[in-house]
Amino acid sequence: MNNKIQLRLGIISIIVLAAALSRLLPHPYNFTPIGAMGLFGAAHLSRKYLAFLVPFLAMWISDLLLNNLVYARLYPDFYGDSFVWFGNLWVYAGFAAIVGLGFVLLRRVKVSSLLAASLLASILFFMVTNFGAWMADPRYPKTVAGLMAAYGAGIPFFWNTLLGDLFYVGVLFGTYEWVQRRFTVLAQERV
C-alpha cells in the first residue's frame, strides 16, 4: 500500500473511530453515529472488507467501553460482574445492512444520495433491530401482532435514529470533504 493510500485510510479510520467514541458522550437515546459510520465506510473505502472492518472495529471498541464502563455502572443488576465482549447481534446485523446499502446508493457521493441513504439507513436499522427485539424478548408473542407491537414500541426511538443519522452523515461526510480540500492528495482515489 503506498503512502497516499495509507494516509487516506488512516484519516478515514480516525474519523470513523472519533464518531464511534462520540457514543460515549451524553446523548438522547438512539441519537448515534451508527448509520453514518456504515454509510461513510461504504462510500469512501472501495475495498469491501475495509468498508466493513473499519466501522465494525470502531463500533466494537465503543461497545466495549459503553457496555463495561458506562452501562455496567448504570444497570448493575442487568450486567452483573461479567465482562461484555460483544454488543447486540441485531444491532450489528442492521449495521452490516447499512454498509451494504451504502455500497448501492453511494457510488457517487452527492447531497441527494446522502439524504436518501441516511433516511433508508434509519428505516433499515429500525426494521432489523426491532425485528431482533421481537425475536429475543419473551414479552412479545411470536405472532404478527407481537411483531407489530415490537415495531410500535420502537417508534419513539426511530425519530432520534433518523435525526442522529442525518446529523452524523453531515458531520462525517462534511469533515472528510473539508479534509480533502485542505489536503488535495486525499482527493485522488478511494482506498
N, C-alpha and C. Protein backbone atom coordinates (compact mmCIF):
# COMPACT_ATOMS: atom_id res chain seq x y z
N MET A 1 0.86 -1.17 0.00
CA MET A 1 0.00 0.00 0.00
C MET A 1 0.90 1.24 0.00
N ASN A 2 0.65 2.16 -0.93
CA ASN A 2 1.51 3.34 -0.97
C ASN A 2 1.14 4.34 0.13
N ASN A 3 1.99 5.32 0.32
CA ASN A 3 1.81 6.28 1.42
C ASN A 3 0.52 7.07 1.32
N LYS A 4 0.12 7.43 0.08
CA LYS A 4 -1.11 8.20 -0.11
C LYS A 4 -2.33 7.39 0.34
N ILE A 5 -2.35 6.12 -0.03
CA ILE A 5 -3.46 5.25 0.35
C ILE A 5 -3.46 5.02 1.86
N GLN A 6 -2.29 4.83 2.44
CA GLN A 6 -2.20 4.65 3.89
C GLN A 6 -2.69 5.90 4.62
N LEU A 7 -2.32 7.09 4.13
CA LEU A 7 -2.77 8.34 4.75
C LEU A 7 -4.28 8.46 4.66
N ARG A 8 -4.82 8.17 3.50
CA ARG A 8 -6.27 8.24 3.30
C ARG A 8 -7.00 7.26 4.22
N LEU A 9 -6.52 6.02 4.27
CA LEU A 9 -7.13 5.02 5.15
C LEU A 9 -7.02 5.45 6.61
N GLY A 10 -5.89 6.01 6.99
CA GLY A 10 -5.71 6.48 8.36
C GLY A 10 -6.67 7.59 8.73
N ILE A 11 -6.85 8.55 7.83
CA ILE A 11 -7.77 9.67 8.12
C ILE A 11 -9.21 9.18 8.18
N ILE A 12 -9.60 8.31 7.25
CA ILE A 12 -10.96 7.75 7.28
C ILE A 12 -11.17 6.98 8.58
N SER A 13 -10.18 6.19 8.97
CA SER A 13 -10.29 5.40 10.21
C SER A 13 -10.41 6.28 11.43
N ILE A 14 -9.65 7.38 11.47
CA ILE A 14 -9.72 8.31 12.60
C ILE A 14 -11.10 8.96 12.67
N ILE A 15 -11.64 9.36 11.53
CA ILE A 15 -12.97 9.97 11.51
C ILE A 15 -14.02 8.98 12.02
N VAL A 16 -13.95 7.74 11.56
CA VAL A 16 -14.91 6.72 11.99
C VAL A 16 -14.75 6.41 13.48
N LEU A 17 -13.52 6.28 13.95
CA LEU A 17 -13.30 6.00 15.37
C LEU A 17 -13.78 7.16 16.24
N ALA A 18 -13.51 8.38 15.81
CA ALA A 18 -13.99 9.55 16.58
C ALA A 18 -15.51 9.55 16.65
N ALA A 19 -16.16 9.22 15.53
CA ALA A 19 -17.62 9.14 15.54
C ALA A 19 -18.09 8.06 16.50
N ALA A 20 -17.45 6.90 16.46
CA ALA A 20 -17.85 5.80 17.36
C ALA A 20 -17.67 6.20 18.81
N LEU A 21 -16.57 6.87 19.12
CA LEU A 21 -16.32 7.27 20.50
C LEU A 21 -17.26 8.38 20.96
N SER A 22 -17.87 9.09 20.01
CA SER A 22 -18.86 10.11 20.40
C SER A 22 -20.08 9.47 21.06
N ARG A 23 -20.24 8.16 20.89
CA ARG A 23 -21.32 7.44 21.57
C ARG A 23 -21.16 7.48 23.08
N LEU A 24 -19.93 7.76 23.55
CA LEU A 24 -19.67 7.83 25.00
C LEU A 24 -20.14 9.15 25.59
N LEU A 25 -20.38 10.15 24.75
CA LEU A 25 -20.87 11.44 25.23
C LEU A 25 -22.35 11.33 25.57
N PRO A 26 -22.83 12.12 26.50
CA PRO A 26 -24.28 12.11 26.77
C PRO A 26 -25.06 12.49 25.51
N HIS A 27 -26.11 11.74 25.25
CA HIS A 27 -26.94 12.00 24.06
C HIS A 27 -28.32 11.38 24.27
N PRO A 28 -29.31 11.88 23.53
CA PRO A 28 -30.64 11.24 23.61
C PRO A 28 -30.55 9.80 23.09
N TYR A 29 -31.41 8.94 23.61
CA TYR A 29 -31.44 7.56 23.14
C TYR A 29 -31.48 7.51 21.63
N ASN A 30 -30.63 6.66 21.05
CA ASN A 30 -30.56 6.37 19.62
C ASN A 30 -30.05 7.53 18.75
N PHE A 31 -29.66 8.63 19.33
CA PHE A 31 -29.06 9.72 18.55
C PHE A 31 -27.56 9.42 18.47
N THR A 32 -27.21 8.51 17.55
CA THR A 32 -25.85 8.00 17.48
C THR A 32 -25.33 8.02 16.04
N PRO A 33 -24.02 7.81 15.86
CA PRO A 33 -23.43 7.84 14.52
C PRO A 33 -23.43 6.48 13.81
N ILE A 34 -24.15 5.50 14.31
CA ILE A 34 -24.04 4.14 13.77
C ILE A 34 -24.35 4.10 12.27
N GLY A 35 -25.48 4.62 11.85
CA GLY A 35 -25.82 4.61 10.43
C GLY A 35 -24.82 5.38 9.59
N ALA A 36 -24.41 6.53 10.08
CA ALA A 36 -23.47 7.37 9.34
C ALA A 36 -22.12 6.68 9.18
N MET A 37 -21.68 5.97 10.21
CA MET A 37 -20.40 5.25 10.12
C MET A 37 -20.44 4.19 9.03
N GLY A 38 -21.54 3.45 8.96
CA GLY A 38 -21.68 2.43 7.93
C GLY A 38 -21.72 3.02 6.53
N LEU A 39 -22.47 4.09 6.37
CA LEU A 39 -22.55 4.74 5.06
C LEU A 39 -21.22 5.36 4.66
N PHE A 40 -20.55 5.98 5.61
CA PHE A 40 -19.26 6.62 5.35
C PHE A 40 -18.21 5.60 4.93
N GLY A 41 -18.16 4.48 5.64
CA GLY A 41 -17.22 3.42 5.27
C GLY A 41 -17.50 2.89 3.87
N ALA A 42 -18.76 2.65 3.56
CA ALA A 42 -19.13 2.14 2.24
C ALA A 42 -18.80 3.14 1.13
N ALA A 43 -18.97 4.41 1.41
CA ALA A 43 -18.74 5.44 0.39
C ALA A 43 -17.27 5.69 0.12
N HIS A 44 -16.44 5.59 1.15
CA HIS A 44 -15.05 6.02 0.99
C HIS A 44 -14.01 4.90 1.02
N LEU A 45 -14.42 3.68 1.30
CA LEU A 45 -13.49 2.56 1.31
C LEU A 45 -13.91 1.57 0.23
N SER A 46 -13.22 1.60 -0.90
CA SER A 46 -13.62 0.77 -2.03
C SER A 46 -13.35 -0.72 -1.79
N ARG A 47 -12.40 -1.03 -0.94
CA ARG A 47 -12.18 -2.43 -0.60
C ARG A 47 -13.26 -2.83 0.39
N LYS A 48 -14.14 -3.70 -0.06
CA LYS A 48 -15.33 -4.03 0.72
C LYS A 48 -14.98 -4.53 2.12
N TYR A 49 -13.93 -5.32 2.25
CA TYR A 49 -13.58 -5.82 3.58
C TYR A 49 -13.22 -4.67 4.51
N LEU A 50 -12.57 -3.62 4.00
CA LEU A 50 -12.25 -2.46 4.84
C LEU A 50 -13.50 -1.65 5.16
N ALA A 51 -14.43 -1.58 4.21
CA ALA A 51 -15.67 -0.84 4.43
C ALA A 51 -16.48 -1.46 5.57
N PHE A 52 -16.35 -2.75 5.76
CA PHE A 52 -16.98 -3.41 6.90
C PHE A 52 -16.07 -3.36 8.13
N LEU A 53 -14.80 -3.68 7.94
CA LEU A 53 -13.88 -3.84 9.06
C LEU A 53 -13.67 -2.55 9.85
N VAL A 54 -13.41 -1.45 9.18
CA VAL A 54 -13.10 -0.20 9.89
C VAL A 54 -14.28 0.26 10.75
N PRO A 55 -15.49 0.40 10.18
CA PRO A 55 -16.61 0.81 11.04
C PRO A 55 -16.98 -0.22 12.11
N PHE A 56 -16.91 -1.53 11.76
CA PHE A 56 -17.24 -2.56 12.75
C PHE A 56 -16.27 -2.53 13.92
N LEU A 57 -15.00 -2.40 13.62
CA LEU A 57 -13.99 -2.36 14.67
C LEU A 57 -14.20 -1.13 15.57
N ALA A 58 -14.47 0.01 14.95
CA ALA A 58 -14.72 1.23 15.74
C ALA A 58 -15.96 1.06 16.61
N MET A 59 -17.02 0.47 16.05
CA MET A 59 -18.23 0.27 16.84
C MET A 59 -18.00 -0.74 17.97
N TRP A 60 -17.24 -1.79 17.68
CA TRP A 60 -16.95 -2.79 18.70
C TRP A 60 -16.17 -2.16 19.86
N ILE A 61 -15.19 -1.31 19.55
CA ILE A 61 -14.42 -0.63 20.60
C ILE A 61 -15.35 0.25 21.44
N SER A 62 -16.21 1.00 20.79
CA SER A 62 -17.13 1.85 21.56
C SER A 62 -18.13 1.01 22.35
N ASP A 63 -18.56 -0.14 21.82
CA ASP A 63 -19.43 -1.05 22.58
C ASP A 63 -18.73 -1.60 23.81
N LEU A 64 -17.46 -1.97 23.67
CA LEU A 64 -16.70 -2.46 24.83
C LEU A 64 -16.70 -1.42 25.94
N LEU A 65 -16.41 -0.18 25.57
CA LEU A 65 -16.36 0.90 26.56
C LEU A 65 -17.74 1.18 27.14
N LEU A 66 -18.75 1.27 26.28
CA LEU A 66 -20.11 1.55 26.76
C LEU A 66 -20.62 0.45 27.68
N ASN A 67 -20.52 -0.78 27.22
CA ASN A 67 -21.09 -1.89 27.99
C ASN A 67 -20.38 -2.13 29.31
N ASN A 68 -19.07 -1.97 29.32
CA ASN A 68 -18.30 -2.35 30.51
C ASN A 68 -17.96 -1.19 31.43
N LEU A 69 -18.02 0.02 30.95
CA LEU A 69 -17.72 1.17 31.80
C LEU A 69 -18.95 2.01 32.12
N VAL A 70 -19.81 2.19 31.14
CA VAL A 70 -20.97 3.07 31.34
C VAL A 70 -22.19 2.28 31.77
N TYR A 71 -22.65 1.35 30.92
CA TYR A 71 -23.89 0.63 31.20
C TYR A 71 -23.76 -0.29 32.41
N ALA A 72 -22.60 -0.87 32.63
CA ALA A 72 -22.41 -1.75 33.79
C ALA A 72 -22.61 -0.99 35.09
N ARG A 73 -22.25 0.29 35.10
CA ARG A 73 -22.48 1.11 36.30
C ARG A 73 -23.92 1.58 36.41
N LEU A 74 -24.53 1.89 35.27
CA LEU A 74 -25.92 2.36 35.29
C LEU A 74 -26.92 1.24 35.57
N TYR A 75 -26.61 0.03 35.08
CA TYR A 75 -27.54 -1.10 35.19
C TYR A 75 -26.82 -2.31 35.80
N PRO A 76 -26.36 -2.22 37.04
CA PRO A 76 -25.58 -3.33 37.62
C PRO A 76 -26.37 -4.63 37.73
N ASP A 77 -27.67 -4.55 37.92
CA ASP A 77 -28.47 -5.78 38.02
C ASP A 77 -28.51 -6.53 36.69
N PHE A 78 -28.48 -5.79 35.60
CA PHE A 78 -28.53 -6.41 34.27
C PHE A 78 -27.16 -6.96 33.86
N TYR A 79 -26.10 -6.19 34.12
CA TYR A 79 -24.77 -6.57 33.65
C TYR A 79 -24.01 -7.45 34.64
N GLY A 80 -24.30 -7.31 35.93
CA GLY A 80 -23.60 -8.11 36.93
C GLY A 80 -22.10 -7.83 36.91
N ASP A 81 -21.32 -8.87 37.17
CA ASP A 81 -19.86 -8.73 37.22
C ASP A 81 -19.19 -9.24 35.95
N SER A 82 -19.97 -9.61 34.96
CA SER A 82 -19.36 -10.19 33.76
C SER A 82 -18.87 -9.10 32.80
N PHE A 83 -17.83 -9.42 32.06
CA PHE A 83 -17.29 -8.53 31.05
C PHE A 83 -18.02 -8.82 29.75
N VAL A 84 -18.54 -7.80 29.10
CA VAL A 84 -19.30 -7.97 27.86
C VAL A 84 -18.35 -7.75 26.68
N TRP A 85 -18.17 -8.79 25.88
CA TRP A 85 -17.25 -8.72 24.75
C TRP A 85 -17.91 -8.28 23.46
N PHE A 86 -19.21 -8.43 23.35
CA PHE A 86 -19.87 -8.15 22.07
C PHE A 86 -21.23 -7.52 22.34
N GLY A 87 -21.60 -6.56 21.52
CA GLY A 87 -22.89 -5.90 21.67
C GLY A 87 -24.02 -6.74 21.10
N ASN A 88 -25.13 -6.11 20.88
CA ASN A 88 -26.33 -6.78 20.39
C ASN A 88 -26.14 -7.24 18.94
N LEU A 89 -26.35 -8.52 18.71
CA LEU A 89 -26.18 -9.10 17.37
C LEU A 89 -27.07 -8.41 16.34
N TRP A 90 -28.29 -8.05 16.73
CA TRP A 90 -29.21 -7.42 15.79
C TRP A 90 -28.76 -6.00 15.42
N VAL A 91 -28.11 -5.32 16.33
CA VAL A 91 -27.54 -4.00 16.01
C VAL A 91 -26.44 -4.15 14.96
N TYR A 92 -25.59 -5.16 15.14
CA TYR A 92 -24.52 -5.40 14.18
C TYR A 92 -25.08 -5.87 12.83
N ALA A 93 -26.15 -6.65 12.85
CA ALA A 93 -26.79 -7.07 11.59
C ALA A 93 -27.37 -5.86 10.86
N GLY A 94 -28.03 -4.97 11.60
CA GLY A 94 -28.54 -3.73 10.99
C GLY A 94 -27.41 -2.88 10.45
N PHE A 95 -26.32 -2.83 11.18
CA PHE A 95 -25.14 -2.07 10.78
C PHE A 95 -24.56 -2.63 9.48
N ALA A 96 -24.44 -3.95 9.38
CA ALA A 96 -23.95 -4.58 8.16
C ALA A 96 -24.86 -4.28 6.98
N ALA A 97 -26.17 -4.31 7.22
CA ALA A 97 -27.11 -3.99 6.15
C ALA A 97 -26.95 -2.55 5.68
N ILE A 98 -26.63 -1.65 6.60
CA ILE A 98 -26.42 -0.24 6.24
C ILE A 98 -25.17 -0.10 5.37
N VAL A 99 -24.11 -0.83 5.69
CA VAL A 99 -22.90 -0.80 4.85
C VAL A 99 -23.26 -1.27 3.44
N GLY A 100 -24.02 -2.36 3.35
CA GLY A 100 -24.47 -2.85 2.04
C GLY A 100 -25.30 -1.82 1.30
N LEU A 101 -26.19 -1.16 2.02
CA LEU A 101 -26.99 -0.09 1.42
C LEU A 101 -26.09 1.03 0.89
N GLY A 102 -25.06 1.36 1.65
CA GLY A 102 -24.12 2.39 1.22
C GLY A 102 -23.40 2.03 -0.07
N PHE A 103 -23.05 0.74 -0.23
CA PHE A 103 -22.41 0.30 -1.48
C PHE A 103 -23.30 0.58 -2.68
N VAL A 104 -24.58 0.36 -2.50
CA VAL A 104 -25.54 0.53 -3.60
C VAL A 104 -25.83 2.01 -3.88
N LEU A 105 -26.08 2.78 -2.83
CA LEU A 105 -26.56 4.16 -3.01
C LEU A 105 -25.47 5.22 -3.08
N LEU A 106 -24.28 4.91 -2.62
CA LEU A 106 -23.26 5.96 -2.52
C LEU A 106 -22.05 5.71 -3.40
N ARG A 107 -22.29 5.18 -4.58
CA ARG A 107 -21.19 5.03 -5.53
C ARG A 107 -20.63 6.40 -5.90
N ARG A 108 -21.52 7.36 -5.98
CA ARG A 108 -21.15 8.77 -6.14
C ARG A 108 -21.78 9.52 -4.98
N VAL A 109 -20.96 10.23 -4.24
CA VAL A 109 -21.44 10.95 -3.06
C VAL A 109 -21.98 12.31 -3.51
N LYS A 110 -23.29 12.47 -3.36
CA LYS A 110 -23.98 13.73 -3.65
C LYS A 110 -24.94 13.98 -2.49
N VAL A 111 -25.35 15.21 -2.33
CA VAL A 111 -26.26 15.54 -1.23
C VAL A 111 -27.54 14.73 -1.34
N SER A 112 -28.10 14.61 -2.53
CA SER A 112 -29.36 13.87 -2.69
C SER A 112 -29.19 12.40 -2.34
N SER A 113 -28.08 11.79 -2.75
CA SER A 113 -27.87 10.37 -2.43
C SER A 113 -27.57 10.19 -0.94
N LEU A 114 -26.90 11.17 -0.32
CA LEU A 114 -26.65 11.10 1.12
C LEU A 114 -27.95 11.19 1.91
N LEU A 115 -28.83 12.08 1.51
CA LEU A 115 -30.12 12.21 2.20
C LEU A 115 -30.94 10.93 2.06
N ALA A 116 -30.99 10.39 0.84
CA ALA A 116 -31.75 9.16 0.61
C ALA A 116 -31.14 8.00 1.40
N ALA A 117 -29.82 7.88 1.35
CA ALA A 117 -29.15 6.79 2.06
C ALA A 117 -29.34 6.92 3.57
N SER A 118 -29.28 8.12 4.09
CA SER A 118 -29.46 8.34 5.52
C SER A 118 -30.87 7.96 5.96
N LEU A 119 -31.85 8.39 5.21
CA LEU A 119 -33.24 8.05 5.52
C LEU A 119 -33.45 6.54 5.46
N LEU A 120 -32.98 5.92 4.39
CA LEU A 120 -33.16 4.47 4.25
C LEU A 120 -32.36 3.70 5.30
N ALA A 121 -31.19 4.21 5.68
CA ALA A 121 -30.40 3.55 6.73
C ALA A 121 -31.17 3.56 8.05
N SER A 122 -31.81 4.67 8.36
CA SER A 122 -32.60 4.76 9.59
C SER A 122 -33.75 3.76 9.58
N ILE A 123 -34.43 3.68 8.46
CA ILE A 123 -35.56 2.75 8.33
C ILE A 123 -35.06 1.31 8.42
N LEU A 124 -33.98 1.01 7.72
CA LEU A 124 -33.42 -0.34 7.73
C LEU A 124 -32.98 -0.75 9.14
N PHE A 125 -32.30 0.15 9.84
CA PHE A 125 -31.85 -0.13 11.20
C PHE A 125 -33.05 -0.37 12.12
N PHE A 126 -34.07 0.45 11.98
CA PHE A 126 -35.30 0.30 12.77
C PHE A 126 -35.93 -1.07 12.52
N MET A 127 -36.05 -1.43 11.24
CA MET A 127 -36.69 -2.70 10.89
C MET A 127 -35.90 -3.89 11.44
N VAL A 128 -34.59 -3.89 11.28
CA VAL A 128 -33.76 -5.02 11.70
C VAL A 128 -33.72 -5.13 13.23
N THR A 129 -33.45 -4.02 13.92
CA THR A 129 -33.28 -4.09 15.37
C THR A 129 -34.60 -4.36 16.10
N ASN A 130 -35.69 -3.84 15.59
CA ASN A 130 -36.96 -4.12 16.25
C ASN A 130 -37.46 -5.53 15.93
N PHE A 131 -37.10 -6.05 14.77
CA PHE A 131 -37.36 -7.46 14.49
C PHE A 131 -36.57 -8.31 15.49
N GLY A 132 -35.32 -7.93 15.74
CA GLY A 132 -34.50 -8.63 16.72
C GLY A 132 -35.07 -8.57 18.12
N ALA A 133 -35.62 -7.41 18.48
CA ALA A 133 -36.25 -7.27 19.79
C ALA A 133 -37.44 -8.22 19.89
N TRP A 134 -38.22 -8.31 18.84
CA TRP A 134 -39.37 -9.22 18.81
C TRP A 134 -38.92 -10.68 18.95
N MET A 135 -37.83 -11.02 18.25
CA MET A 135 -37.32 -12.39 18.30
C MET A 135 -36.78 -12.75 19.69
N ALA A 136 -36.08 -11.80 20.32
CA ALA A 136 -35.36 -12.10 21.56
C ALA A 136 -36.16 -11.87 22.83
N ASP A 137 -37.11 -10.97 22.81
CA ASP A 137 -37.80 -10.57 24.03
C ASP A 137 -39.04 -11.45 24.24
N PRO A 138 -39.07 -12.20 25.32
CA PRO A 138 -40.21 -13.09 25.56
C PRO A 138 -41.52 -12.33 25.83
N ARG A 139 -41.45 -11.04 26.09
CA ARG A 139 -42.68 -10.27 26.32
C ARG A 139 -43.48 -10.09 25.04
N TYR A 140 -42.83 -10.26 23.88
CA TYR A 140 -43.55 -10.14 22.61
C TYR A 140 -43.97 -11.52 22.14
N PRO A 141 -45.28 -11.74 21.97
CA PRO A 141 -45.71 -13.03 21.42
C PRO A 141 -45.17 -13.19 19.99
N LYS A 142 -44.84 -14.40 19.61
CA LYS A 142 -44.28 -14.67 18.29
C LYS A 142 -45.40 -14.79 17.26
N THR A 143 -46.10 -13.67 17.12
CA THR A 143 -47.20 -13.55 16.17
C THR A 143 -47.02 -12.24 15.41
N VAL A 144 -47.84 -12.05 14.39
CA VAL A 144 -47.79 -10.79 13.66
C VAL A 144 -48.13 -9.63 14.59
N ALA A 145 -49.09 -9.85 15.48
CA ALA A 145 -49.45 -8.80 16.44
C ALA A 145 -48.28 -8.49 17.37
N GLY A 146 -47.54 -9.52 17.78
CA GLY A 146 -46.37 -9.30 18.62
C GLY A 146 -45.28 -8.54 17.89
N LEU A 147 -45.09 -8.87 16.61
CA LEU A 147 -44.11 -8.14 15.79
C LEU A 147 -44.51 -6.68 15.64
N MET A 148 -45.78 -6.43 15.39
CA MET A 148 -46.26 -5.05 15.26
C MET A 148 -46.11 -4.29 16.58
N ALA A 149 -46.30 -5.00 17.69
CA ALA A 149 -46.10 -4.37 18.99
C ALA A 149 -44.63 -3.99 19.19
N ALA A 150 -43.72 -4.84 18.74
CA ALA A 150 -42.28 -4.53 18.85
C ALA A 150 -41.94 -3.31 17.99
N TYR A 151 -42.48 -3.27 16.78
CA TYR A 151 -42.24 -2.09 15.93
C TYR A 151 -42.89 -0.84 16.53
N GLY A 152 -44.07 -1.00 17.07
CA GLY A 152 -44.75 0.15 17.69
C GLY A 152 -43.96 0.70 18.88
N ALA A 153 -43.40 -0.22 19.68
CA ALA A 153 -42.61 0.22 20.85
C ALA A 153 -41.34 0.94 20.42
N GLY A 154 -40.84 0.66 19.22
CA GLY A 154 -39.62 1.30 18.75
C GLY A 154 -39.81 2.64 18.08
N ILE A 155 -41.06 2.99 17.74
CA ILE A 155 -41.30 4.24 17.01
C ILE A 155 -40.76 5.48 17.72
N PRO A 156 -40.93 5.62 19.04
CA PRO A 156 -40.38 6.83 19.68
C PRO A 156 -38.86 6.95 19.52
N PHE A 157 -38.17 5.82 19.42
CA PHE A 157 -36.71 5.84 19.26
C PHE A 157 -36.30 6.08 17.81
N PHE A 158 -37.20 5.77 16.87
CA PHE A 158 -36.89 5.94 15.45
C PHE A 158 -36.55 7.39 15.12
N TRP A 159 -37.27 8.32 15.69
CA TRP A 159 -37.06 9.73 15.33
C TRP A 159 -35.66 10.19 15.71
N ASN A 160 -35.16 9.73 16.86
CA ASN A 160 -33.79 10.06 17.24
C ASN A 160 -32.77 9.36 16.33
N THR A 161 -33.09 8.14 15.91
CA THR A 161 -32.21 7.44 14.96
C THR A 161 -32.11 8.24 13.67
N LEU A 162 -33.26 8.67 13.18
CA LEU A 162 -33.30 9.45 11.94
C LEU A 162 -32.51 10.76 12.09
N LEU A 163 -32.76 11.48 13.16
CA LEU A 163 -32.04 12.75 13.37
C LEU A 163 -30.55 12.51 13.57
N GLY A 164 -30.19 11.47 14.32
CA GLY A 164 -28.78 11.14 14.53
C GLY A 164 -28.09 10.78 13.23
N ASP A 165 -28.76 9.97 12.40
CA ASP A 165 -28.16 9.60 11.11
C ASP A 165 -27.95 10.84 10.24
N LEU A 166 -28.95 11.69 10.15
CA LEU A 166 -28.81 12.91 9.34
C LEU A 166 -27.69 13.80 9.87
N PHE A 167 -27.66 13.99 11.18
CA PHE A 167 -26.63 14.84 11.79
C PHE A 167 -25.23 14.27 11.54
N TYR A 168 -25.04 13.01 11.86
CA TYR A 168 -23.70 12.42 11.74
C TYR A 168 -23.28 12.19 10.30
N VAL A 169 -24.21 11.94 9.39
CA VAL A 169 -23.85 11.89 7.97
C VAL A 169 -23.28 13.25 7.56
N GLY A 170 -23.93 14.32 7.99
CA GLY A 170 -23.41 15.66 7.70
C GLY A 170 -22.03 15.88 8.30
N VAL A 171 -21.85 15.46 9.54
CA VAL A 171 -20.57 15.66 10.23
C VAL A 171 -19.46 14.82 9.58
N LEU A 172 -19.70 13.53 9.37
CA LEU A 172 -18.65 12.67 8.82
C LEU A 172 -18.29 13.04 7.39
N PHE A 173 -19.30 13.14 6.55
CA PHE A 173 -19.02 13.45 5.14
C PHE A 173 -18.52 14.88 4.99
N GLY A 174 -19.06 15.80 5.78
CA GLY A 174 -18.60 17.18 5.74
C GLY A 174 -17.17 17.32 6.21
N THR A 175 -16.82 16.62 7.29
CA THR A 175 -15.45 16.65 7.80
C THR A 175 -14.48 16.12 6.76
N TYR A 176 -14.84 15.00 6.16
CA TYR A 176 -13.93 14.42 5.17
C TYR A 176 -13.80 15.31 3.94
N GLU A 177 -14.87 15.92 3.53
CA GLU A 177 -14.80 16.86 2.39
C GLU A 177 -13.88 18.02 2.74
N TRP A 178 -14.00 18.55 3.94
CA TRP A 178 -13.13 19.64 4.38
C TRP A 178 -11.67 19.21 4.40
N VAL A 179 -11.40 18.01 4.93
CA VAL A 179 -10.03 17.49 4.98
C VAL A 179 -9.48 17.31 3.57
N GLN A 180 -10.29 16.79 2.66
CA GLN A 180 -9.84 16.60 1.27
C GLN A 180 -9.49 17.94 0.62
N ARG A 181 -10.23 18.97 0.91
CA ARG A 181 -9.93 20.29 0.33
C ARG A 181 -8.65 20.88 0.91
N ARG A 182 -8.37 20.56 2.17
CA ARG A 182 -7.14 21.05 2.80
C ARG A 182 -5.92 20.26 2.34
N PHE A 183 -6.10 18.97 2.11
CA PHE A 183 -5.01 18.08 1.70
C PHE A 183 -5.42 17.41 0.38
N THR A 184 -5.14 18.07 -0.73
CA THR A 184 -5.63 17.62 -2.04
C THR A 184 -5.12 16.24 -2.42
N VAL A 185 -4.06 15.77 -1.83
CA VAL A 185 -3.56 14.43 -2.13
C VAL A 185 -4.60 13.36 -1.79
N LEU A 186 -5.50 13.65 -0.87
CA LEU A 186 -6.52 12.68 -0.47
C LEU A 186 -7.64 12.54 -1.47
N ALA A 187 -7.84 13.54 -2.30
CA ALA A 187 -8.97 13.55 -3.22
C ALA A 187 -8.75 12.69 -4.46
N GLN A 188 -7.60 12.08 -4.60
CA GLN A 188 -7.25 11.38 -5.82
C GLN A 188 -8.05 10.10 -6.05
N GLU A 189 -8.03 9.17 -5.12
CA GLU A 189 -8.65 7.86 -5.34
C GLU A 189 -9.17 7.29 -4.02
N ARG A 190 -10.08 6.34 -4.16
CA ARG A 190 -10.61 5.68 -2.97
C ARG A 190 -9.66 4.61 -2.48
N VAL A 191 -9.73 4.30 -1.19
CA VAL A 191 -8.87 3.27 -0.59
C VAL A 191 -9.46 1.91 -0.89
